[in-house]
Amino acid sequence: MVEPHFAATAVEDLPRTLRREKEARQREALGRSIEGSAHHETNGTNFEVQPETGRTDTDVTISLLKIPFFELMLFFIKALFAALPALFLLGVLLWLAGDILMAYFPQLVKMQIIFKIPN
C-alpha cells in the first residue's frame, strides 16, 4: 500500500495551526540570520531579503512534473462527478429565472429551436 503524501514526515502530521506557527518561526529565524546582508546564497538558491517586511523571496523553476496517467485520469473523473450537482443546480436556477421573467414580462420573446426533418 502506498503511504499518503501528507503522512510522509512527522512534521507534516502536525495540526495545521501548529504547522503554520512552526513555519512562521522558521521564516522569522531565517530573516534574522540573513538580516545583515541584502543577498544570501545557499545551495545555489538565491534569497533576497525585503527590508520593509524581513521576508525572503526565492526563484523556483519546475523542470519536471511526473504524474501517472491513471491517477490524473481518476482525478479528473472525480472532479467531473463533483461538478455534476453544481451544473444541475445552475440549470434549475436558470430555468426558474426564465420562468419568473416570462411571468412578469410576457412581452419578452420566447426563443424556440424547432428541428424539422424532411421526408
C-alpha atoms as a PDB file:
ATOM      1  CA  MET A   1       0.000   0.000   0.000  1.00  0.00           C
ATOM      2  CA  VAL A   2       1.297   3.444  -0.915  1.00  0.00           C
ATOM      3  CA  GLU A   3       1.830   5.774   2.031  1.00  0.00           C
ATOM      4  CA  PRO A   4      -0.173   9.024   1.666  1.00  0.00           C
ATOM      5  CA  HIS A   5       1.888  12.120   0.948  1.00  0.00           C
ATOM      6  CA  PHE A   6       0.585  14.048   3.951  1.00  0.00           C
ATOM      7  CA  ALA A   7       1.880  11.417   6.384  1.00  0.00           C
ATOM      8  CA  ALA A   8       5.346  11.158   4.858  1.00  0.00           C
ATOM      9  CA  THR A   9       7.098  13.017   7.688  1.00  0.00           C
ATOM     10  CA  ALA A  10       6.384  13.719  11.335  1.00  0.00           C
ATOM     11  CA  VAL A  11       6.311  17.488  10.663  1.00  0.00           C
ATOM     12  CA  GLU A  12       3.509  17.017   8.140  1.00  0.00           C
ATOM     13  CA  ASP A  13       1.485  15.170  10.802  1.00  0.00           C
ATOM     14  CA  LEU A  14       1.099  18.296  12.945  1.00  0.00           C
ATOM     15  CA  PRO A  15      -2.242  20.132  13.045  1.00  0.00           C
ATOM     16  CA  ARG A  16      -2.448  22.989  10.576  1.00  0.00           C
ATOM     17  CA  THR A  17      -2.239  25.766  13.199  1.00  0.00           C
ATOM     18  CA  LEU A  18       0.879  24.293  14.824  1.00  0.00           C
ATOM     19  CA  ARG A  19       2.490  23.734  11.426  1.00  0.00           C
ATOM     20  CA  ARG A  20       1.822  27.356  10.411  1.00  0.00           C
ATOM     21  CA  GLU A  21       3.256  28.624  13.694  1.00  0.00           C
ATOM     22  CA  LYS A  22       6.389  26.487  13.248  1.00  0.00           C
ATOM     23  CA  GLU A  23       6.831  27.720   9.671  1.00  0.00           C
ATOM     24  CA  ALA A  24       6.396  31.337  10.808  1.00  0.00           C
ATOM     25  CA  ARG A  25       9.101  30.850  13.446  1.00  0.00           C
ATOM     26  CA  GLN A  26      11.419  29.306  10.867  1.00  0.00           C
ATOM     27  CA  ARG A  27      10.834  32.223   8.477  1.00  0.00           C
ATOM     28  CA  GLU A  28      11.494  34.698  11.281  1.00  0.00           C
ATOM     29  CA  ALA A  29      14.712  32.905  12.261  1.00  0.00           C
ATOM     30  CA  LEU A  30      15.836  32.831   8.632  1.00  0.00           C
ATOM     31  CA  GLY A  31      15.107  36.544   8.305  1.00  0.00           C
ATOM     32  CA  ARG A  32      17.153  37.324  11.402  1.00  0.00           C
ATOM     33  CA  SER A  33      20.062  35.135  10.274  1.00  0.00           C
ATOM     34  CA  ILE A  34      20.416  36.930   6.950  1.00  0.00           C
ATOM     35  CA  GLU A  35      19.291  40.344   8.169  1.00  0.00           C
ATOM     36  CA  GLY A  36      22.715  41.943   7.787  1.00  0.00           C
ATOM     37  CA  SER A  37      23.128  41.093   4.126  1.00  0.00           C
ATOM     38  CA  ALA A  38      20.845  42.069   1.283  1.00  0.00           C
ATOM     39  CA  HIS A  39      21.749  38.994  -0.734  1.00  0.00           C
ATOM     40  CA  HIS A  40      22.486  35.479   0.567  1.00  0.00           C
ATOM     41  CA  GLU A  41      23.239  32.359  -1.432  1.00  0.00           C
ATOM     42  CA  THR A  42      22.571  28.833  -0.088  1.00  0.00           C
ATOM     43  CA  ASN A  43      23.000  25.695  -2.195  1.00  0.00           C
ATOM     44  CA  GLY A  44      22.552  27.597  -5.444  1.00  0.00           C
ATOM     45  CA  THR A  45      19.273  29.217  -4.305  1.00  0.00           C
ATOM     46  CA  ASN A  46      19.150  32.998  -4.133  1.00  0.00           C
ATOM     47  CA  PHE A  47      17.399  34.584  -1.163  1.00  0.00           C
ATOM     48  CA  GLU A  48      16.660  38.287  -1.225  1.00  0.00           C
ATOM     49  CA  VAL A  49      15.521  39.937   1.993  1.00  0.00           C
ATOM     50  CA  GLN A  50      12.912  42.632   1.646  1.00  0.00           C
ATOM     51  CA  PRO A  51      13.882  45.351   4.147  1.00  0.00           C
ATOM     52  CA  GLU A  52      10.361  46.525   4.983  1.00  0.00           C
ATOM     53  CA  THR A  53       8.948  43.076   5.822  1.00  0.00           C
ATOM     54  CA  GLY A  54      12.015  40.948   6.515  1.00  0.00           C
ATOM     55  CA  ARG A  55      10.571  38.197   4.309  1.00  0.00           C
ATOM     56  CA  THR A  56      12.545  36.233   1.762  1.00  0.00           C
ATOM     57  CA  ASP A  57      11.637  35.562  -1.852  1.00  0.00           C
ATOM     58  CA  THR A  58      13.022  32.637  -3.805  1.00  0.00           C
ATOM     59  CA  ASP A  59      13.101  31.939  -7.515  1.00  0.00           C
ATOM     60  CA  VAL A  60      11.703  28.479  -8.249  1.00  0.00           C
ATOM     61  CA  THR A  61      11.711  26.688 -11.584  1.00  0.00           C
ATOM     62  CA  ILE A  62       9.850  23.409 -12.006  1.00  0.00           C
ATOM     63  CA  SER A  63      11.624  21.388 -14.640  1.00  0.00           C
ATOM     64  CA  LEU A  64       9.761  18.069 -14.419  1.00  0.00           C
ATOM     65  CA  LEU A  65       6.376  17.032 -13.067  1.00  0.00           C
ATOM     66  CA  LYS A  66       5.680  13.313 -13.054  1.00  0.00           C
ATOM     67  CA  ILE A  67       2.027  12.360 -12.589  1.00  0.00           C
ATOM     68  CA  PRO A  68       0.967   8.846 -13.560  1.00  0.00           C
ATOM     69  CA  PHE A  69      -1.672   8.910 -16.301  1.00  0.00           C
ATOM     70  CA  PHE A  70      -4.260   6.801 -14.480  1.00  0.00           C
ATOM     71  CA  GLU A  71      -4.014   8.880 -11.277  1.00  0.00           C
ATOM     72  CA  LEU A  72      -4.528  12.042 -13.314  1.00  0.00           C
ATOM     73  CA  MET A  73      -7.435  10.417 -15.165  1.00  0.00           C
ATOM     74  CA  LEU A  74      -9.065   9.371 -11.868  1.00  0.00           C
ATOM     75  CA  PHE A  75      -8.658  12.892 -10.510  1.00  0.00           C
ATOM     76  CA  PHE A  76     -10.491  14.400 -13.479  1.00  0.00           C
ATOM     77  CA  ILE A  77     -13.248  11.770 -13.307  1.00  0.00           C
ATOM     78  CA  LYS A  78     -13.745  12.618  -9.626  1.00  0.00           C
ATOM     79  CA  ALA A  79     -13.798  16.323 -10.499  1.00  0.00           C
ATOM     80  CA  LEU A  80     -16.450  15.635 -13.143  1.00  0.00           C
ATOM     81  CA  PHE A  81     -18.689  13.829 -10.662  1.00  0.00           C
ATOM     82  CA  ALA A  82     -18.146  16.604  -8.119  1.00  0.00           C
ATOM     83  CA  ALA A  83     -19.228  19.222 -10.688  1.00  0.00           C
ATOM     84  CA  LEU A  84     -22.436  17.465 -11.810  1.00  0.00           C
ATOM     85  CA  PRO A  85     -24.643  18.580  -8.863  1.00  0.00           C
ATOM     86  CA  ALA A  86     -23.481  22.175  -9.312  1.00  0.00           C
ATOM     87  CA  LEU A  87     -24.279  22.083 -13.035  1.00  0.00           C
ATOM     88  CA  PHE A  88     -27.713  20.587 -12.338  1.00  0.00           C
ATOM     89  CA  LEU A  89     -28.447  23.264  -9.712  1.00  0.00           C
ATOM     90  CA  LEU A  90     -27.293  26.016 -12.079  1.00  0.00           C
ATOM     91  CA  GLY A  91     -29.604  24.702 -14.823  1.00  0.00           C
ATOM     92  CA  VAL A  92     -32.582  24.619 -12.444  1.00  0.00           C
ATOM     93  CA  LEU A  93     -31.876  28.162 -11.235  1.00  0.00           C
ATOM     94  CA  LEU A  94     -31.604  29.493 -14.790  1.00  0.00           C
ATOM     95  CA  TRP A  95     -34.826  27.707 -15.773  1.00  0.00           C
ATOM     96  CA  LEU A  96     -36.642  29.241 -12.764  1.00  0.00           C
ATOM     97  CA  ALA A  97     -35.239  32.690 -13.570  1.00  0.00           C
ATOM     98  CA  GLY A  98     -36.532  32.357 -17.147  1.00  0.00           C
ATOM     99  CA  ASP A  99     -39.995  31.301 -15.939  1.00  0.00           C
ATOM    100  CA  ILE A 100     -40.165  34.205 -13.484  1.00  0.00           C
ATOM    101  CA  LEU A 101     -39.117  36.675 -16.176  1.00  0.00           C
ATOM    102  CA  MET A 102     -41.772  35.297 -18.560  1.00  0.00           C
ATOM    103  CA  ALA A 103     -44.436  35.537 -15.844  1.00  0.00           C
ATOM    104  CA  TYR A 104     -43.721  39.205 -15.091  1.00  0.00           C
ATOM    105  CA  PHE A 105     -42.784  40.275 -18.618  1.00  0.00           C
ATOM    106  CA  PRO A 106     -44.974  38.338 -21.100  1.00  0.00           C
ATOM    107  CA  GLN A 107     -43.913  40.625 -23.934  1.00  0.00           C
ATOM    108  CA  LEU A 108     -40.455  39.050 -23.903  1.00  0.00           C
ATOM    109  CA  VAL A 109     -39.815  36.935 -26.973  1.00  0.00           C
ATOM    110  CA  LYS A 110     -39.582  33.267 -26.173  1.00  0.00           C
ATOM    111  CA  MET A 111     -36.971  31.647 -28.349  1.00  0.00           C
ATOM    112  CA  GLN A 112     -37.643  28.138 -29.550  1.00  0.00           C
ATOM    113  CA  ILE A 113     -35.463  25.880 -31.594  1.00  0.00           C
ATOM    114  CA  ILE A 114     -37.506  23.685 -33.900  1.00  0.00           C
ATOM    115  CA  PHE A 115     -35.912  20.788 -35.744  1.00  0.00           C
ATOM    116  CA  LYS A 116     -37.621  19.703 -38.953  1.00  0.00           C
ATOM    117  CA  ILE A 117     -36.615  16.502 -40.685  1.00  0.00           C
ATOM    118  CA  PRO A 118     -37.543  16.440 -44.367  1.00  0.00           C
ATOM    119  CA  ASN A 119     -39.191  13.312 -45.803  1.00  0.00           C
END
